[in-house]
PDB file of N, CA and C in Angstrom:
ATOM      1  N   UNK A   1      12.514  40.609   9.793  1.00  0.00           N
ATOM      2  CA  UNK A   1      12.379  39.345   9.042  1.00  0.00           C
ATOM      3  C   UNK A   1      10.955  39.186   8.656  1.00  0.00           C
ATOM      4  N   UNK A   2      10.708  38.831   7.369  1.00  0.00           N
ATOM      5  CA  UNK A   2       9.394  38.619   6.841  1.00  0.00           C
ATOM      6  C   UNK A   2       9.357  37.130   6.670  1.00  0.00           C
ATOM      7  N   UNK A   3       8.114  36.522   7.263  1.00  0.00           N
ATOM      8  CA  UNK A   3       7.915  35.083   7.023  1.00  0.00           C
ATOM      9  C   UNK A   3       6.802  34.901   6.114  1.00  0.00           C
ATOM     10  N   UNK A   4       7.140  34.220   5.020  1.00  0.00           N
ATOM     11  CA  UNK A   4       6.123  33.987   3.869  1.00  0.00           C
ATOM     12  C   UNK A   4       6.039  32.433   3.705  1.00  0.00           C
ATOM     13  N   UNK A   5       4.771  32.117   3.656  1.00  0.00           N
ATOM     14  CA  UNK A   5       4.380  30.664   3.390  1.00  0.00           C
ATOM     15  C   UNK A   5       3.635  30.525   2.110  1.00  0.00           C
ATOM     16  N   UNK A   6       4.104  29.594   1.317  1.00  0.00           N
ATOM     17  CA  UNK A   6       3.329  29.258   0.085  1.00  0.00           C
ATOM     18  C   UNK A   6       2.651  27.922   0.421  1.00  0.00           C
ATOM     19  N   UNK A   7       1.372  27.795  -0.172  1.00  0.00           N
ATOM     20  CA  UNK A   7       0.633  26.605  -0.047  1.00  0.00           C
ATOM     21  C   UNK A   7       0.132  26.173  -1.257  1.00  0.00           C
ATOM     22  N   UNK A   8       0.222  24.875  -1.570  1.00  0.00           N
ATOM     23  CA  UNK A   8      -0.481  24.284  -2.696  1.00  0.00           C
ATOM     24  C   UNK A   8      -0.874  22.953  -2.319  1.00  0.00           C
ATOM     25  N   UNK A   9      -1.423  22.189  -3.348  1.00  0.00           N
ATOM     26  CA  UNK A   9      -1.893  20.890  -3.086  1.00  0.00           C
ATOM     27  C   UNK A   9      -0.911  19.913  -2.363  1.00  0.00           C
ATOM     28  N   UNK A  10       0.285  19.794  -2.817  1.00  0.00           N
ATOM     29  CA  UNK A  10       1.198  18.925  -2.182  1.00  0.00           C
ATOM     30  C   UNK A  10       2.485  19.538  -1.802  1.00  0.00           C
ATOM     31  N   UNK A  11       2.753  20.882  -2.117  1.00  0.00           N
ATOM     32  CA  UNK A  11       3.919  21.602  -1.673  1.00  0.00           C
ATOM     33  C   UNK A  11       4.931  21.464  -2.712  1.00  0.00           C
ATOM     34  N   UNK A  12       4.867  20.673  -3.713  1.00  0.00           N
ATOM     35  CA  UNK A  12       6.001  20.489  -4.632  1.00  0.00           C
ATOM     36  C   UNK A  12       6.137  21.600  -5.515  1.00  0.00           C
ATOM     37  N   UNK A  13       5.193  22.114  -6.241  1.00  0.00           N
ATOM     38  CA  UNK A  13       5.294  23.178  -7.186  1.00  0.00           C
ATOM     39  C   UNK A  13       5.638  24.495  -6.498  1.00  0.00           C
ATOM     40  N   UNK A  14       4.989  24.593  -5.280  1.00  0.00           N
ATOM     41  CA  UNK A  14       5.282  25.826  -4.581  1.00  0.00           C
ATOM     42  C   UNK A  14       6.694  25.809  -3.948  1.00  0.00           C
ATOM     43  N   UNK A  15       7.226  24.599  -3.754  1.00  0.00           N
ATOM     44  CA  UNK A  15       8.577  24.432  -3.295  1.00  0.00           C
ATOM     45  C   UNK A  15       9.622  24.983  -4.191  1.00  0.00           C
ATOM     46  N   UNK A  16       9.404  24.771  -5.568  1.00  0.00           N
ATOM     47  CA  UNK A  16      10.286  25.358  -6.601  1.00  0.00           C
ATOM     48  C   UNK A  16      10.268  26.938  -6.576  1.00  0.00           C
ATOM     49  N   UNK A  17       9.006  27.397  -6.426  1.00  0.00           N
ATOM     50  CA  UNK A  17       8.824  28.818  -6.347  1.00  0.00           C
ATOM     51  C   UNK A  17       9.417  29.468  -5.218  1.00  0.00           C
ATOM     52  N   UNK A  18       9.238  28.708  -4.012  1.00  0.00           N
ATOM     53  CA  UNK A  18       9.897  29.323  -2.686  1.00  0.00           C
ATOM     54  C   UNK A  18      11.427  29.317  -2.920  1.00  0.00           C
ATOM     55  N   UNK A  19      11.952  28.385  -3.527  1.00  0.00           N
ATOM     56  CA  UNK A  19      13.451  28.385  -3.766  1.00  0.00           C
ATOM     57  C   UNK A  19      13.853  29.607  -4.634  1.00  0.00           C
ATOM     58  N   UNK A  20      13.121  29.871  -5.642  1.00  0.00           N
ATOM     59  CA  UNK A  20      13.368  31.042  -6.492  1.00  0.00           C
ATOM     60  C   UNK A  20      13.132  32.330  -5.740  1.00  0.00           C
ATOM     61  N   UNK A  21      12.182  32.350  -4.901  1.00  0.00           N
ATOM     62  CA  UNK A  21      11.927  33.531  -4.034  1.00  0.00           C
ATOM     63  C   UNK A  21      13.051  33.837  -3.113  1.00  0.00           C
ATOM     64  N   UNK A  22      13.548  32.713  -2.507  1.00  0.00           N
ATOM     65  CA  UNK A  22      14.665  32.878  -1.572  1.00  0.00           C
ATOM     66  C   UNK A  22      15.997  33.473  -2.234  1.00  0.00           C
ATOM     67  N   UNK A  23      16.130  33.065  -3.429  1.00  0.00           N
ATOM     68  CA  UNK A  23      17.282  33.669  -4.268  1.00  0.00           C
ATOM     69  C   UNK A  23      17.064  35.042  -4.578  1.00  0.00           C
ATOM     70  N   UNK A  24      15.747  35.509  -4.947  1.00  0.00           N
ATOM     71  CA  UNK A  24      15.438  36.918  -5.225  1.00  0.00           C
ATOM     72  C   UNK A  24      15.624  37.692  -4.048  1.00  0.00           C
ATOM     73  N   UNK A  25      15.162  37.170  -2.842  1.00  0.00           N
ATOM     74  CA  UNK A  25      15.286  37.942  -1.514  1.00  0.00           C
ATOM     75  C   UNK A  25      16.755  38.060  -1.231  1.00  0.00           C
ATOM     76  N   UNK A  26      17.576  37.049  -1.459  1.00  0.00           N
ATOM     77  CA  UNK A  26      19.004  37.246  -1.087  1.00  0.00           C
ATOM     78  C   UNK A  26      19.696  38.336  -1.901  1.00  0.00           C
ATOM     79  N   UNK A  27      19.364  38.406  -3.174  1.00  0.00           N
ATOM     80  CA  UNK A  27      19.847  39.318  -4.150  1.00  0.00           C
ATOM     81  C   UNK A  27      19.496  40.843  -3.655  1.00  0.00           C
ATOM     82  N   UNK A  28      18.298  40.884  -3.115  1.00  0.00           N
ATOM     83  CA  UNK A  28      17.889  42.247  -2.638  1.00  0.00           C
ATOM     84  C   UNK A  28      18.262  42.586  -1.189  1.00  0.00           C
ATOM     85  N   UNK A  29      18.986  41.542  -0.563  1.00  0.00           N
ATOM     86  CA  UNK A  29      19.373  41.735   0.928  1.00  0.00           C
ATOM     87  C   UNK A  29      18.132  41.906   1.734  1.00  0.00           C
ATOM     88  N   UNK A  30      17.106  41.136   1.480  1.00  0.00           N
ATOM     89  CA  UNK A  30      15.884  41.174   2.229  1.00  0.00           C
ATOM     90  C   UNK A  30      15.822  39.949   3.077  1.00  0.00           C
ATOM     91  N   UNK A  31      15.690  40.223   4.399  1.00  0.00           N
ATOM     92  CA  UNK A  31      15.584  39.125   5.361  1.00  0.00           C
ATOM     93  C   UNK A  31      14.245  38.527   5.324  1.00  0.00           C
ATOM     94  N   UNK A  32      14.182  37.368   4.761  1.00  0.00           N
ATOM     95  CA  UNK A  32      12.864  36.587   4.626  1.00  0.00           C
ATOM     96  C   UNK A  32      13.077  35.125   4.822  1.00  0.00           C
ATOM     97  N   UNK A  33      12.126  34.641   5.405  1.00  0.00           N
ATOM     98  CA  UNK A  33      11.958  33.204   5.570  1.00  0.00           C
ATOM     99  C   UNK A  33      10.862  32.728   4.720  1.00  0.00           C
ATOM    100  N   UNK A  34      11.233  31.915   3.696  1.00  0.00           N
ATOM    101  CA  UNK A  34      10.153  31.528   2.708  1.00  0.00           C
ATOM    102  C   UNK A  34      10.064  29.951   2.751  1.00  0.00           C
ATOM    103  N   UNK A  35       8.873  29.460   2.892  1.00  0.00           N
ATOM    104  CA  UNK A  35       8.627  28.058   2.947  1.00  0.00           C
ATOM    105  C   UNK A  35       7.434  27.683   2.167  1.00  0.00           C
ATOM    106  N   UNK A  36       7.425  26.551   1.729  1.00  0.00           N
ATOM    107  CA  UNK A  36       6.217  25.949   0.973  1.00  0.00           C
ATOM    108  C   UNK A  36       5.839  24.688   1.595  1.00  0.00           C
ATOM    109  N   UNK A  37       4.561  24.520   1.722  1.00  0.00           N
ATOM    110  CA  UNK A  37       3.960  23.254   2.271  1.00  0.00           C
ATOM    111  C   UNK A  37       2.691  22.908   1.564  1.00  0.00           C
ATOM    112  N   UNK A  38       2.127  21.786   1.982  1.00  0.00           N
ATOM    113  CA  UNK A  38       0.887  21.397   1.366  1.00  0.00           C
ATOM    114  C   UNK A  38      -0.221  22.021   2.119  1.00  0.00           C
ATOM    115  N   UNK A  39      -1.429  22.049   1.552  1.00  0.00           N
ATOM    116  CA  UNK A  39      -2.570  22.700   2.243  1.00  0.00           C
ATOM    117  C   UNK A  39      -2.948  21.980   3.538  1.00  0.00           C
ATOM    118  N   UNK A  40      -2.587  20.675   3.590  1.00  0.00           N
ATOM    119  CA  UNK A  40      -2.842  19.801   4.890  1.00  0.00           C
ATOM    120  C   UNK A  40      -1.935  20.303   5.921  1.00  0.00           C
ATOM    121  N   UNK A  41      -0.840  20.937   5.723  1.00  0.00           N
ATOM    122  CA  UNK A  41       0.129  21.367   6.714  1.00  0.00           C
ATOM    123  C   UNK A  41      -0.060  22.796   7.183  1.00  0.00           C
ATOM    124  N   UNK A  42      -0.859  23.614   6.540  1.00  0.00           N
ATOM    125  CA  UNK A  42      -1.007  24.989   6.718  1.00  0.00           C
ATOM    126  C   UNK A  42      -1.150  25.363   8.243  1.00  0.00           C
ATOM    127  N   UNK A  43      -1.974  24.688   8.929  1.00  0.00           N
ATOM    128  CA  UNK A  43      -2.165  25.195  10.297  1.00  0.00           C
ATOM    129  C   UNK A  43      -1.017  24.925  11.235  1.00  0.00           C
ATOM    130  N   UNK A  44      -0.111  24.075  10.856  1.00  0.00           N
ATOM    131  CA  UNK A  44       1.097  23.829  11.688  1.00  0.00           C
ATOM    132  C   UNK A  44       1.970  25.039  11.600  1.00  0.00           C
ATOM    133  N   UNK A  45       1.803  25.984  10.667  1.00  0.00           N
ATOM    134  CA  UNK A  45       2.696  27.193  10.465  1.00  0.00           C
ATOM    135  C   UNK A  45       1.939  28.388  10.747  1.00  0.00           C
ATOM    136  N   UNK A  46       0.633  28.405  11.042  1.00  0.00           N
ATOM    137  CA  UNK A  46      -0.097  29.703  11.077  1.00  0.00           C
ATOM    138  C   UNK A  46       0.445  30.637  12.040  1.00  0.00           C
ATOM    139  N   UNK A  47       0.938  30.269  13.239  1.00  0.00           N
ATOM    140  CA  UNK A  47       1.410  31.339  14.114  1.00  0.00           C
ATOM    141  C   UNK A  47       2.800  31.820  13.897  1.00  0.00           C
ATOM    142  N   UNK A  48       3.365  31.333  12.743  1.00  0.00           N
ATOM    143  CA  UNK A  48       4.821  31.818  12.343  1.00  0.00           C
ATOM    144  C   UNK A  48       4.840  32.662  11.212  1.00  0.00           C
ATOM    145  N   UNK A  49       3.843  33.002  10.511  1.00  0.00           N
ATOM    146  CA  UNK A  49       3.872  33.683   9.163  1.00  0.00           C
ATOM    147  C   UNK A  49       3.264  35.034   9.187  1.00  0.00           C
ATOM    148  N   UNK A  50       3.723  35.857   8.309  1.00  0.00           N
ATOM    149  CA  UNK A  50       3.278  37.171   8.084  1.00  0.00           C
ATOM    150  C   UNK A  50       2.365  37.215   6.777  1.00  0.00           C
ATOM    151  N   UNK A  51       2.834  36.498   5.754  1.00  0.00           N
ATOM    152  CA  UNK A  51       2.109  36.377   4.510  1.00  0.00           C
ATOM    153  C   UNK A  51       1.882  34.949   4.124  1.00  0.00           C
ATOM    154  N   UNK A  52       0.696  34.726   3.630  1.00  0.00           N
ATOM    155  CA  UNK A  52       0.387  33.425   3.049  1.00  0.00           C
ATOM    156  C   UNK A  52      -0.046  33.584   1.585  1.00  0.00           C
ATOM    157  N   UNK A  53       0.724  32.830   0.766  1.00  0.00           N
ATOM    158  CA  UNK A  53       0.360  32.932  -0.698  1.00  0.00           C
ATOM    159  C   UNK A  53      -0.175  31.562  -1.037  1.00  0.00           C
ATOM    160  N   UNK A  54      -1.421  31.559  -1.651  1.00  0.00           N
ATOM    161  CA  UNK A  54      -2.118  30.332  -1.996  1.00  0.00           C
ATOM    162  C   UNK A  54      -1.884  30.127  -3.484  1.00  0.00           C
ATOM    163  N   UNK A  55      -1.680  28.859  -3.818  1.00  0.00           N
ATOM    164  CA  UNK A  55      -1.547  28.416  -5.183  1.00  0.00           C
ATOM    165  C   UNK A  55      -2.808  28.801  -5.914  1.00  0.00           C
ATOM    166  N   UNK A  56      -2.810  29.253  -7.235  1.00  0.00           N
ATOM    167  CA  UNK A  56      -4.013  29.635  -7.906  1.00  0.00           C
ATOM    168  C   UNK A  56      -5.016  28.456  -8.126  1.00  0.00           C
ATOM    169  N   UNK A  57      -4.562  27.212  -8.082  1.00  0.00           N
ATOM    170  CA  UNK A  57      -5.584  26.128  -8.149  1.00  0.00           C
ATOM    171  C   UNK A  57      -6.298  25.891  -6.900  1.00  0.00           C
ATOM    172  N   UNK A  58      -5.923  26.553  -5.859  1.00  0.00           N
ATOM    173  CA  UNK A  58      -6.667  26.416  -4.562  1.00  0.00           C
ATOM    174  C   UNK A  58      -7.546  27.723  -4.312  1.00  0.00           C
ATOM    175  N   UNK A  59      -7.733  28.469  -5.336  1.00  0.00           N
ATOM    176  CA  UNK A  59      -8.487  29.731  -5.188  1.00  0.00           C
ATOM    177  C   UNK A  59      -9.910  29.374  -4.678  1.00  0.00           C
ATOM    178  N   UNK A  60     -10.425  28.240  -5.166  1.00  0.00           N
ATOM    179  CA  UNK A  60     -11.808  27.874  -4.699  1.00  0.00           C
ATOM    180  C   UNK A  60     -11.917  27.571  -3.230  1.00  0.00           C
ATOM    181  N   UNK A  61     -10.751  27.416  -2.572  1.00  0.00           N
ATOM    182  CA  UNK A  61     -10.687  27.191  -1.144  1.00  0.00           C
ATOM    183  C   UNK A  61     -10.274  28.436  -0.411  1.00  0.00           C
ATOM    184  N   UNK A  62     -10.139  29.591  -0.978  1.00  0.00           N
ATOM    185  CA  UNK A  62      -9.609  30.771  -0.360  1.00  0.00           C
ATOM    186  C   UNK A  62     -10.456  31.209   0.905  1.00  0.00           C
ATOM    187  N   UNK A  63     -11.771  31.147   0.707  1.00  0.00           N
ATOM    188  CA  UNK A  63     -12.597  31.643   1.857  1.00  0.00           C
ATOM    189  C   UNK A  63     -12.488  30.765   2.949  1.00  0.00           C
ATOM    190  N   UNK A  64     -12.440  29.398   2.780  1.00  0.00           N
ATOM    191  CA  UNK A  64     -12.185  28.359   3.793  1.00  0.00           C
ATOM    192  C   UNK A  64     -10.868  28.571   4.590  1.00  0.00           C
ATOM    193  N   UNK A  65      -9.842  28.893   3.811  1.00  0.00           N
ATOM    194  CA  UNK A  65      -8.506  29.163   4.412  1.00  0.00           C
ATOM    195  C   UNK A  65      -8.520  30.334   5.229  1.00  0.00           C
ATOM    196  N   UNK A  66      -9.107  31.475   4.745  1.00  0.00           N
ATOM    197  CA  UNK A  66      -9.256  32.691   5.395  1.00  0.00           C
ATOM    198  C   UNK A  66      -9.939  32.462   6.811  1.00  0.00           C
ATOM    199  N   UNK A  67     -11.021  31.724   6.762  1.00  0.00           N
ATOM    200  CA  UNK A  67     -11.704  31.389   7.990  1.00  0.00           C
ATOM    201  C   UNK A  67     -10.956  30.735   9.084  1.00  0.00           C
ATOM    202  N   UNK A  68     -10.171  29.718   8.543  1.00  0.00           N
ATOM    203  CA  UNK A  68      -9.292  28.899   9.423  1.00  0.00           C
ATOM    204  C   UNK A  68      -8.238  29.846  10.071  1.00  0.00           C
ATOM    205  N   UNK A  69      -7.850  30.925   9.360  1.00  0.00           N
ATOM    206  CA  UNK A  69      -6.648  31.783   9.837  1.00  0.00           C
ATOM    207  C   UNK A  69      -7.193  33.106  10.523  1.00  0.00           C
ATOM    208  N   UNK A  70      -8.517  33.126  10.739  1.00  0.00           N
ATOM    209  CA  UNK A  70      -9.011  34.318  11.361  1.00  0.00           C
ATOM    210  C   UNK A  70      -8.336  34.453  12.800  1.00  0.00           C
ATOM    211  N   UNK A  71      -7.966  35.586  13.047  1.00  0.00           N
ATOM    212  CA  UNK A  71      -7.260  35.870  14.425  1.00  0.00           C
ATOM    213  C   UNK A  71      -5.753  35.764  14.410  1.00  0.00           C
ATOM    214  N   UNK A  72      -5.226  35.260  13.235  1.00  0.00           N
ATOM    215  CA  UNK A  72      -3.685  35.148  13.195  1.00  0.00           C
ATOM    216  C   UNK A  72      -3.047  36.415  12.563  1.00  0.00           C
ATOM    217  N   UNK A  73      -3.723  37.291  12.074  1.00  0.00           N
ATOM    218  CA  UNK A  73      -3.137  38.589  11.530  1.00  0.00           C
ATOM    219  C   UNK A  73      -2.112  38.285  10.389  1.00  0.00           C
ATOM    220  N   UNK A  74      -2.662  37.429   9.549  1.00  0.00           N
ATOM    221  CA  UNK A  74      -1.784  37.007   8.290  1.00  0.00           C
ATOM    222  C   UNK A  74      -2.353  37.683   7.007  1.00  0.00           C
ATOM    223  N   UNK A  75      -1.475  38.282   6.304  1.00  0.00           N
ATOM    224  CA  UNK A  75      -1.930  38.801   4.919  1.00  0.00           C
ATOM    225  C   UNK A  75      -2.012  37.593   4.072  1.00  0.00           C
ATOM    226  N   UNK A  76      -3.166  37.485   3.335  1.00  0.00           N
ATOM    227  CA  UNK A  76      -3.400  36.390   2.517  1.00  0.00           C
ATOM    228  C   UNK A  76      -3.670  36.720   1.033  1.00  0.00           C
ATOM    229  N   UNK A  77      -3.063  36.105   0.148  1.00  0.00           N
ATOM    230  CA  UNK A  77      -3.397  36.320  -1.228  1.00  0.00           C
ATOM    231  C   UNK A  77      -3.199  35.059  -2.108  1.00  0.00           C
ATOM    232  N   UNK A  78      -3.631  35.268  -3.382  1.00  0.00           N
ATOM    233  CA  UNK A  78      -3.581  34.135  -4.344  1.00  0.00           C
ATOM    234  C   UNK A  78      -2.438  34.372  -5.281  1.00  0.00           C
ATOM    235  N   UNK A  79      -1.532  33.368  -5.457  1.00  0.00           N
ATOM    236  CA  UNK A  79      -0.399  33.613  -6.345  1.00  0.00           C
ATOM    237  C   UNK A  79      -0.835  33.816  -7.668  1.00  0.00           C
ATOM    238  N   UNK A  80      -0.370  34.810  -8.421  1.00  0.00           N
ATOM    239  CA  UNK A  80      -0.765  35.025  -9.845  1.00  0.00           C
ATOM    240  C   UNK A  80      -0.375  33.825 -10.662  1.00  0.00           C
ATOM    241  N   UNK A  81      -1.484  33.464 -11.408  1.00  0.00           N
ATOM    242  CA  UNK A  81      -1.372  32.218 -12.213  1.00  0.00           C
ATOM    243  C   UNK A  81      -0.222  32.285 -13.242  1.00  0.00           C
ATOM    244  N   UNK A  82       0.137  33.464 -13.760  1.00  0.00           N
ATOM    245  CA  UNK A  82       1.159  33.462 -14.661  1.00  0.00           C
ATOM    246  C   UNK A  82       2.620  33.386 -13.968  1.00  0.00           C
ATOM    247  N   UNK A  83       2.680  33.896 -12.739  1.00  0.00           N
ATOM    248  CA  UNK A  83       3.857  33.769 -11.969  1.00  0.00           C
ATOM    249  C   UNK A  83       4.018  32.172 -11.551  1.00  0.00           C
ATOM    250  N   UNK A  84       3.013  31.639 -11.160  1.00  0.00           N
ATOM    251  CA  UNK A  84       2.914  30.266 -10.841  1.00  0.00           C
ATOM    252  C   UNK A  84       3.347  29.346 -11.938  1.00  0.00           C
ATOM    253  N   UNK A  85       2.674  29.526 -12.981  1.00  0.00           N
ATOM    254  CA  UNK A  85       2.891  28.682 -14.231  1.00  0.00           C
ATOM    255  C   UNK A  85       4.424  28.741 -14.705  1.00  0.00           C
ATOM    256  N   UNK A  86       4.960  29.897 -14.565  1.00  0.00           N
ATOM    257  CA  UNK A  86       6.378  30.210 -15.033  1.00  0.00           C
ATOM    258  C   UNK A  86       7.417  29.981 -13.976  1.00  0.00           C
ATOM    259  N   UNK A  87       6.883  29.595 -12.787  1.00  0.00           N
ATOM    260  CA  UNK A  87       7.824  29.437 -11.666  1.00  0.00           C
ATOM    261  C   UNK A  87       8.630  30.754 -11.290  1.00  0.00           C
ATOM    262  N   UNK A  88       7.940  31.901 -11.476  1.00  0.00           N
ATOM    263  CA  UNK A  88       8.578  33.155 -11.281  1.00  0.00           C
ATOM    264  C   UNK A  88       8.619  33.602  -9.790  1.00  0.00           C
ATOM    265  N   UNK A  89       9.635  33.143  -9.100  1.00  0.00           N
ATOM    266  CA  UNK A  89       9.837  33.462  -7.677  1.00  0.00           C
ATOM    267  C   UNK A  89       9.887  34.899  -7.474  1.00  0.00           C
ATOM    268  N   UNK A  90      10.545  35.688  -8.223  1.00  0.00           N
ATOM    269  CA  UNK A  90      10.697  37.092  -8.058  1.00  0.00           C
ATOM    270  C   UNK A  90       9.400  37.805  -8.132  1.00  0.00           C
ATOM    271  N   UNK A  91       8.555  37.406  -9.106  1.00  0.00           N
ATOM    272  CA  UNK A  91       7.165  38.014  -9.267  1.00  0.00           C
ATOM    273  C   UNK A  91       6.375  37.669  -7.992  1.00  0.00           C
ATOM    274  N   UNK A  92       6.377  36.405  -7.558  1.00  0.00           N
ATOM    275  CA  UNK A  92       5.618  36.156  -6.391  1.00  0.00           C
ATOM    276  C   UNK A  92       6.131  36.782  -5.092  1.00  0.00           C
ATOM    277  N   UNK A  93       7.429  37.042  -4.963  1.00  0.00           N
ATOM    278  CA  UNK A  93       8.031  37.823  -3.920  1.00  0.00           C
ATOM    279  C   UNK A  93       7.506  39.216  -3.953  1.00  0.00           C
ATOM    280  N   UNK A  94       7.449  39.775  -5.166  1.00  0.00           N
ATOM    281  CA  UNK A  94       7.005  41.227  -5.277  1.00  0.00           C
ATOM    282  C   UNK A  94       5.493  41.212  -4.845  1.00  0.00           C
ATOM    283  N   UNK A  95       4.709  40.201  -5.376  1.00  0.00           N
ATOM    284  CA  UNK A  95       3.289  40.115  -4.961  1.00  0.00           C
ATOM    285  C   UNK A  95       3.092  39.993  -3.511  1.00  0.00           C
ATOM    286  N   UNK A  96       3.937  39.185  -2.762  1.00  0.00           N
ATOM    287  CA  UNK A  96       3.807  39.093  -1.349  1.00  0.00           C
ATOM    288  C   UNK A  96       4.130  40.269  -0.620  1.00  0.00           C
ATOM    289  N   UNK A  97       5.135  40.981  -1.054  1.00  0.00           N
ATOM    290  CA  UNK A  97       5.606  42.224  -0.388  1.00  0.00           C
ATOM    291  C   UNK A  97       4.655  43.318  -0.600  1.00  0.00           C
ATOM    292  N   UNK A  98       4.002  43.299  -1.823  1.00  0.00           N
ATOM    293  CA  UNK A  98       2.973  44.395  -2.070  1.00  0.00           C
ATOM    294  C   UNK A  98       1.690  44.106  -1.141  1.00  0.00           C
ATOM    295  N   UNK A  99       1.399  42.868  -1.013  1.00  0.00           N
ATOM    296  CA  UNK A  99       0.246  42.473  -0.169  1.00  0.00           C
ATOM    297  C   UNK A  99       0.470  42.873   1.157  1.00  0.00           C
ATOM    298  N   UNK A 100       1.764  42.581   1.692  1.00  0.00           N
ATOM    299  CA  UNK A 100       2.038  42.978   3.053  1.00  0.00           C
ATOM    300  C   UNK A 100       1.981  44.548   3.268  1.00  0.00           C
ATOM    301  N   UNK A 101       2.390  45.311   2.312  1.00  0.00           N
ATOM    302  CA  UNK A 101       2.348  46.712   2.413  1.00  0.00           C
ATOM    303  C   UNK A 101       0.875  47.223   2.428  1.00  0.00           C
ATOM    304  N   UNK A 102       0.022  46.599   1.596  1.00  0.00           N
ATOM    305  CA  UNK A 102      -1.361  46.880   1.568  1.00  0.00           C
ATOM    306  C   UNK A 102      -2.144  46.633   2.844  1.00  0.00           C
ATOM    307  N   UNK A 103      -1.891  45.488   3.374  1.00  0.00           N
ATOM    308  CA  UNK A 103      -2.653  45.053   4.556  1.00  0.00           C
ATOM    309  C   UNK A 103      -2.055  45.492   5.924  1.00  0.00           C
ATOM    310  N   UNK A 104      -0.782  45.653   6.009  1.00  0.00           N
ATOM    311  CA  UNK A 104      -0.187  45.922   7.254  1.00  0.00           C
ATOM    312  C   UNK A 104       0.607  47.297   7.244  1.00  0.00           C
ATOM    313  N   UNK A 105       0.795  47.873   6.060  1.00  0.00           N
ATOM    314  CA  UNK A 105       1.506  49.135   5.954  1.00  0.00           C
ATOM    315  C   UNK A 105       2.934  48.891   6.207  1.00  0.00           C
ATOM    316  N   UNK A 106       3.443  47.652   6.017  1.00  0.00           N
ATOM    317  CA  UNK A 106       4.963  47.472   6.271  1.00  0.00           C
ATOM    318  C   UNK A 106       5.756  47.655   4.984  1.00  0.00           C
TER     319      UNK A 106
END
């Protein structure tokens, strides 16, 4: 089971992407728990996730987020702005899985 968390300003936009990602994961028979939250809720889920995908509009906070999550062994990446803008859950899922392979060899 792969646990993926998406974070954006309010969790609304990423919620739609998470829903699309869940559909894509189901089609692939991939066991994944995919959730979207606001940046204020991030630390509530830190000990439950394998991959964190940050909304592109929060790129300026990436370093701060990485510092907060030091020691949690989470793969962290920025959602591609084209995937985010088009609500392309399949693309974001591929991005998250590639990030996981690169950082953890999974």
